[in-house]
N, C-alpha and C. Protein backbone atom coordinates (compact mmCIF):
# COMPACT_ATOMS: atom_id res chain seq x y z
N MET A 1 -49.76 -56.56 76.11
CA MET A 1 -48.42 -56.97 75.91
C MET A 1 -48.42 -58.61 76.07
N ALA A 2 -47.56 -59.22 75.28
CA ALA A 2 -47.50 -60.62 75.19
C ALA A 2 -46.71 -61.19 76.52
N ASP A 3 -46.72 -62.46 76.82
CA ASP A 3 -46.25 -63.09 77.96
C ASP A 3 -44.65 -63.10 77.65
N ILE A 4 -43.84 -63.15 78.86
CA ILE A 4 -42.52 -63.37 78.65
C ILE A 4 -42.22 -64.82 78.50
N LEU A 5 -41.31 -65.07 77.40
CA LEU A 5 -40.94 -66.60 77.08
C LEU A 5 -39.72 -66.79 77.87
N LYS A 6 -38.70 -65.99 77.74
CA LYS A 6 -37.50 -66.19 78.68
C LYS A 6 -36.87 -64.90 79.14
N GLU A 7 -36.32 -64.92 80.26
CA GLU A 7 -35.59 -63.73 80.86
C GLU A 7 -34.25 -64.14 81.37
N HIS A 8 -33.15 -63.25 81.00
CA HIS A 8 -31.81 -63.55 81.31
C HIS A 8 -31.16 -62.33 81.85
N ILE A 9 -30.24 -62.45 82.70
CA ILE A 9 -29.19 -61.28 83.08
C ILE A 9 -27.96 -61.61 82.35
N TYR A 10 -27.52 -60.73 81.55
CA TYR A 10 -26.26 -60.88 80.85
C TYR A 10 -25.23 -59.81 81.33
N ILE A 11 -24.02 -60.28 81.33
CA ILE A 11 -22.93 -59.30 81.54
C ILE A 11 -22.26 -59.19 80.04
N VAL A 12 -22.61 -58.01 79.58
CA VAL A 12 -21.97 -57.69 78.17
C VAL A 12 -20.65 -57.17 78.21
N PRO A 13 -19.67 -57.80 77.51
CA PRO A 13 -18.26 -57.28 77.50
C PRO A 13 -18.32 -56.25 76.52
N LEU A 14 -17.62 -55.18 76.64
CA LEU A 14 -17.50 -54.01 75.87
C LEU A 14 -15.98 -53.68 75.65
N ARG A 15 -15.15 -54.76 75.66
CA ARG A 15 -13.57 -54.39 75.51
C ARG A 15 -13.34 -54.21 73.99
N ASP A 16 -14.03 -54.82 73.05
CA ASP A 16 -13.74 -54.44 71.77
C ASP A 16 -14.05 -53.17 71.42
N VAL A 17 -14.67 -52.31 72.12
CA VAL A 17 -14.99 -50.98 71.80
C VAL A 17 -13.87 -50.08 71.69
N LYS A 18 -12.77 -50.50 72.59
CA LYS A 18 -11.50 -49.72 72.48
C LYS A 18 -10.83 -49.79 71.12
N ARG A 19 -11.10 -50.63 70.18
CA ARG A 19 -10.52 -50.58 68.85
C ARG A 19 -11.16 -49.53 67.98
N SER A 20 -12.23 -48.88 68.21
CA SER A 20 -12.76 -47.79 67.39
C SER A 20 -12.19 -46.53 67.89
N PRO A 21 -12.29 -45.57 67.17
CA PRO A 21 -11.77 -44.16 67.60
C PRO A 21 -12.44 -43.71 68.84
N ARG A 22 -11.69 -42.87 69.52
CA ARG A 22 -12.25 -42.38 70.88
C ARG A 22 -13.52 -41.69 70.85
N TRP A 23 -13.82 -40.89 69.75
CA TRP A 23 -15.01 -40.22 69.67
C TRP A 23 -16.25 -40.98 69.24
N ARG A 24 -16.01 -42.27 68.81
CA ARG A 24 -17.13 -43.12 68.28
C ARG A 24 -17.35 -44.37 69.30
N ARG A 25 -16.57 -44.43 70.47
CA ARG A 25 -16.78 -45.51 71.23
C ARG A 25 -18.06 -45.77 71.87
N SER A 26 -18.81 -44.87 72.48
CA SER A 26 -20.09 -45.09 73.03
C SER A 26 -21.10 -45.49 71.89
N ASN A 27 -21.07 -44.89 70.67
CA ASN A 27 -21.94 -45.49 69.56
C ASN A 27 -21.50 -46.96 69.30
N THR A 28 -20.49 -47.18 69.21
CA THR A 28 -19.97 -48.62 69.01
C THR A 28 -20.51 -49.51 70.12
N ALA A 29 -20.43 -48.99 71.36
CA ALA A 29 -20.80 -49.91 72.48
C ALA A 29 -22.40 -50.17 72.43
N ILE A 30 -23.22 -49.19 72.09
CA ILE A 30 -24.53 -49.58 71.88
C ILE A 30 -24.70 -50.51 70.76
N LYS A 31 -24.10 -50.43 69.63
CA LYS A 31 -24.20 -51.38 68.42
C LYS A 31 -23.84 -52.73 68.92
N ASP A 32 -22.77 -52.75 69.70
CA ASP A 32 -22.32 -54.15 70.29
C ASP A 32 -23.31 -54.72 71.29
N ILE A 33 -23.90 -54.08 72.11
CA ILE A 33 -24.87 -54.52 73.02
C ILE A 33 -26.09 -55.05 72.31
N ARG A 34 -26.47 -54.34 71.24
CA ARG A 34 -27.69 -54.68 70.28
C ARG A 34 -27.24 -56.13 69.66
N LYS A 35 -26.19 -56.12 69.07
CA LYS A 35 -25.57 -57.35 68.44
C LYS A 35 -25.34 -58.58 69.33
N PHE A 36 -24.93 -58.33 70.55
CA PHE A 36 -24.78 -59.33 71.63
C PHE A 36 -26.09 -59.90 71.84
N LEU A 37 -27.18 -59.17 72.18
CA LEU A 37 -28.57 -59.51 72.38
C LEU A 37 -29.28 -60.26 71.16
N GLU A 38 -29.03 -59.80 70.05
CA GLU A 38 -29.47 -60.55 68.92
C GLU A 38 -29.00 -62.00 68.84
N ARG A 39 -27.62 -62.07 69.18
CA ARG A 39 -27.07 -63.38 68.92
C ARG A 39 -27.48 -64.34 70.19
N HIS A 40 -27.69 -63.70 71.39
CA HIS A 40 -27.98 -64.64 72.52
C HIS A 40 -29.50 -64.89 72.75
N MET A 41 -30.23 -64.00 72.35
CA MET A 41 -31.76 -64.10 72.42
C MET A 41 -32.28 -64.52 71.17
N LYS A 42 -31.67 -64.69 70.05
CA LYS A 42 -32.14 -65.20 68.84
C LYS A 42 -33.23 -64.47 68.32
N SER A 43 -33.10 -63.19 68.19
CA SER A 43 -34.15 -62.25 67.62
C SER A 43 -33.56 -61.09 67.05
N ARG A 44 -34.16 -60.57 65.96
CA ARG A 44 -33.71 -59.37 65.31
C ARG A 44 -34.31 -58.07 65.94
N ASP A 45 -35.38 -58.32 66.69
CA ASP A 45 -36.11 -57.05 67.19
C ASP A 45 -35.72 -56.89 68.46
N VAL A 46 -34.78 -55.98 68.82
CA VAL A 46 -34.41 -55.74 70.14
C VAL A 46 -34.42 -54.18 70.37
N LYS A 47 -35.05 -54.04 71.61
CA LYS A 47 -35.38 -52.71 72.06
C LYS A 47 -34.58 -52.31 73.29
N LEU A 48 -33.64 -51.38 73.41
CA LEU A 48 -33.02 -50.96 74.47
C LEU A 48 -33.55 -49.95 75.34
N ASP A 49 -33.64 -50.13 76.63
CA ASP A 49 -34.17 -49.09 77.57
C ASP A 49 -33.23 -47.93 77.61
N ARG A 50 -33.87 -46.76 78.07
CA ARG A 50 -33.08 -45.54 78.17
C ARG A 50 -32.01 -45.54 79.16
N SER A 51 -32.16 -46.54 80.20
CA SER A 51 -31.20 -46.69 81.19
C SER A 51 -29.96 -47.08 80.75
N ILE A 52 -29.98 -48.00 79.76
CA ILE A 52 -28.76 -48.61 79.14
C ILE A 52 -27.96 -47.51 78.46
N ASN A 53 -28.76 -46.60 77.65
CA ASN A 53 -28.14 -45.57 76.85
C ASN A 53 -27.48 -44.59 77.87
N GLU A 54 -28.12 -44.28 78.95
CA GLU A 54 -27.63 -43.33 79.91
C GLU A 54 -26.35 -43.86 80.51
N ARG A 55 -26.33 -45.14 80.87
CA ARG A 55 -25.21 -45.64 81.52
C ARG A 55 -23.94 -45.73 80.65
N VAL A 56 -24.32 -46.13 79.35
CA VAL A 56 -22.98 -46.19 78.27
C VAL A 56 -22.42 -44.72 78.19
N TRP A 57 -23.42 -43.82 78.07
CA TRP A 57 -22.96 -42.31 77.67
C TRP A 57 -22.57 -41.43 78.99
N GLU A 58 -22.65 -42.13 80.14
CA GLU A 58 -22.63 -41.09 81.40
C GLU A 58 -21.15 -40.55 81.41
N ASN A 59 -20.11 -41.12 80.77
CA ASN A 59 -18.72 -40.62 80.90
C ASN A 59 -18.39 -39.97 79.49
N GLY A 60 -19.30 -39.82 78.64
CA GLY A 60 -19.05 -39.22 77.44
C GLY A 60 -18.79 -40.24 76.19
N SER A 61 -18.58 -39.87 75.03
CA SER A 61 -18.49 -40.67 73.83
C SER A 61 -17.15 -41.44 73.94
N GLY A 62 -15.97 -40.95 74.62
CA GLY A 62 -14.81 -41.61 74.53
C GLY A 62 -14.56 -42.63 75.63
N LYS A 63 -15.36 -42.64 76.65
CA LYS A 63 -15.02 -43.53 78.00
C LYS A 63 -16.36 -44.42 78.28
N PRO A 64 -16.83 -45.36 77.49
CA PRO A 64 -17.97 -46.07 77.87
C PRO A 64 -17.52 -47.27 78.92
N PRO A 65 -18.26 -47.88 79.71
CA PRO A 65 -17.83 -48.83 80.70
C PRO A 65 -17.26 -50.07 79.88
N ARG A 66 -16.41 -50.84 80.77
CA ARG A 66 -15.76 -52.03 80.14
C ARG A 66 -16.80 -53.16 79.97
N LYS A 67 -17.78 -53.17 80.91
CA LYS A 67 -18.81 -54.15 80.89
C LYS A 67 -20.08 -53.62 81.45
N ILE A 68 -21.34 -54.20 80.98
CA ILE A 68 -22.46 -53.70 81.39
C ILE A 68 -23.51 -54.87 81.74
N ARG A 69 -24.21 -54.69 82.83
CA ARG A 69 -25.16 -55.83 83.27
C ARG A 69 -26.47 -55.44 82.75
N ILE A 70 -27.12 -56.43 82.06
CA ILE A 70 -28.29 -56.12 81.35
C ILE A 70 -29.32 -57.23 81.54
N ARG A 71 -30.62 -56.92 81.94
CA ARG A 71 -31.66 -57.80 81.93
C ARG A 71 -32.39 -57.75 80.75
N ALA A 72 -32.44 -59.00 80.13
CA ALA A 72 -33.15 -59.20 78.77
C ALA A 72 -34.44 -59.91 78.87
N MET A 73 -35.58 -59.54 78.34
CA MET A 73 -36.72 -60.47 78.22
C MET A 73 -37.11 -60.57 76.82
N LYS A 74 -37.42 -61.86 76.46
CA LYS A 74 -38.02 -62.16 75.11
C LYS A 74 -39.54 -62.52 75.38
N PHE A 75 -40.21 -61.86 74.48
CA PHE A 75 -41.56 -62.11 74.38
C PHE A 75 -42.18 -62.95 73.42
N GLU A 76 -43.38 -63.51 73.50
CA GLU A 76 -44.03 -64.53 72.56
C GLU A 76 -43.87 -63.92 71.06
N ASP A 77 -44.01 -62.65 70.89
CA ASP A 77 -43.93 -62.11 69.49
C ASP A 77 -42.59 -62.03 68.86
N GLY A 78 -41.52 -62.35 69.65
CA GLY A 78 -40.26 -62.46 69.24
C GLY A 78 -39.27 -61.06 69.62
N GLN A 79 -40.11 -60.11 70.17
CA GLN A 79 -39.34 -58.80 70.54
C GLN A 79 -38.62 -59.16 71.89
N VAL A 80 -37.36 -58.53 71.82
CA VAL A 80 -36.51 -58.59 73.12
C VAL A 80 -36.52 -57.15 73.65
N GLN A 81 -36.79 -56.98 74.94
CA GLN A 81 -36.48 -55.70 75.54
C GLN A 81 -35.56 -55.81 76.68
N ALA A 82 -34.68 -54.86 76.67
CA ALA A 82 -33.59 -54.96 77.57
C ALA A 82 -33.43 -53.80 78.50
N GLU A 83 -33.20 -53.89 79.76
CA GLU A 83 -33.00 -52.76 80.63
C GLU A 83 -31.82 -53.03 81.48
N LEU A 84 -31.37 -52.04 82.18
CA LEU A 84 -30.16 -52.04 82.98
C LEU A 84 -30.51 -52.95 84.29
N ALA A 85 -29.70 -54.01 84.56
CA ALA A 85 -30.00 -54.71 85.74
C ALA A 85 -29.61 -54.12 86.99
N GLU A 86 -30.34 -54.15 88.09
CA GLU A 86 -29.82 -53.67 89.36
C GLU A 86 -28.70 -54.50 89.87
N GLU A 87 -27.62 -53.62 90.37
CA GLU A 87 -26.64 -54.32 91.10
C GLU A 87 -26.76 -54.87 92.37
């Protein structure tokens, strides 16, 4: 595995998810998290950890959290790996 270039903890706002239909909100939240990390970490190769998915889906597809705290690491090869940050 390559060395970590940069590491950040982000609080990703998911308020725009409420604009999508109720049955699609958690899917939209995952896409928004990925888009947020692409924009802030400047990489198209984003891998989300299972813990993020479980946190978003824990209340079902209609009630994702309003915001989520994520620890993102960018490696030398440009890949970004994200996991749920400990509170």
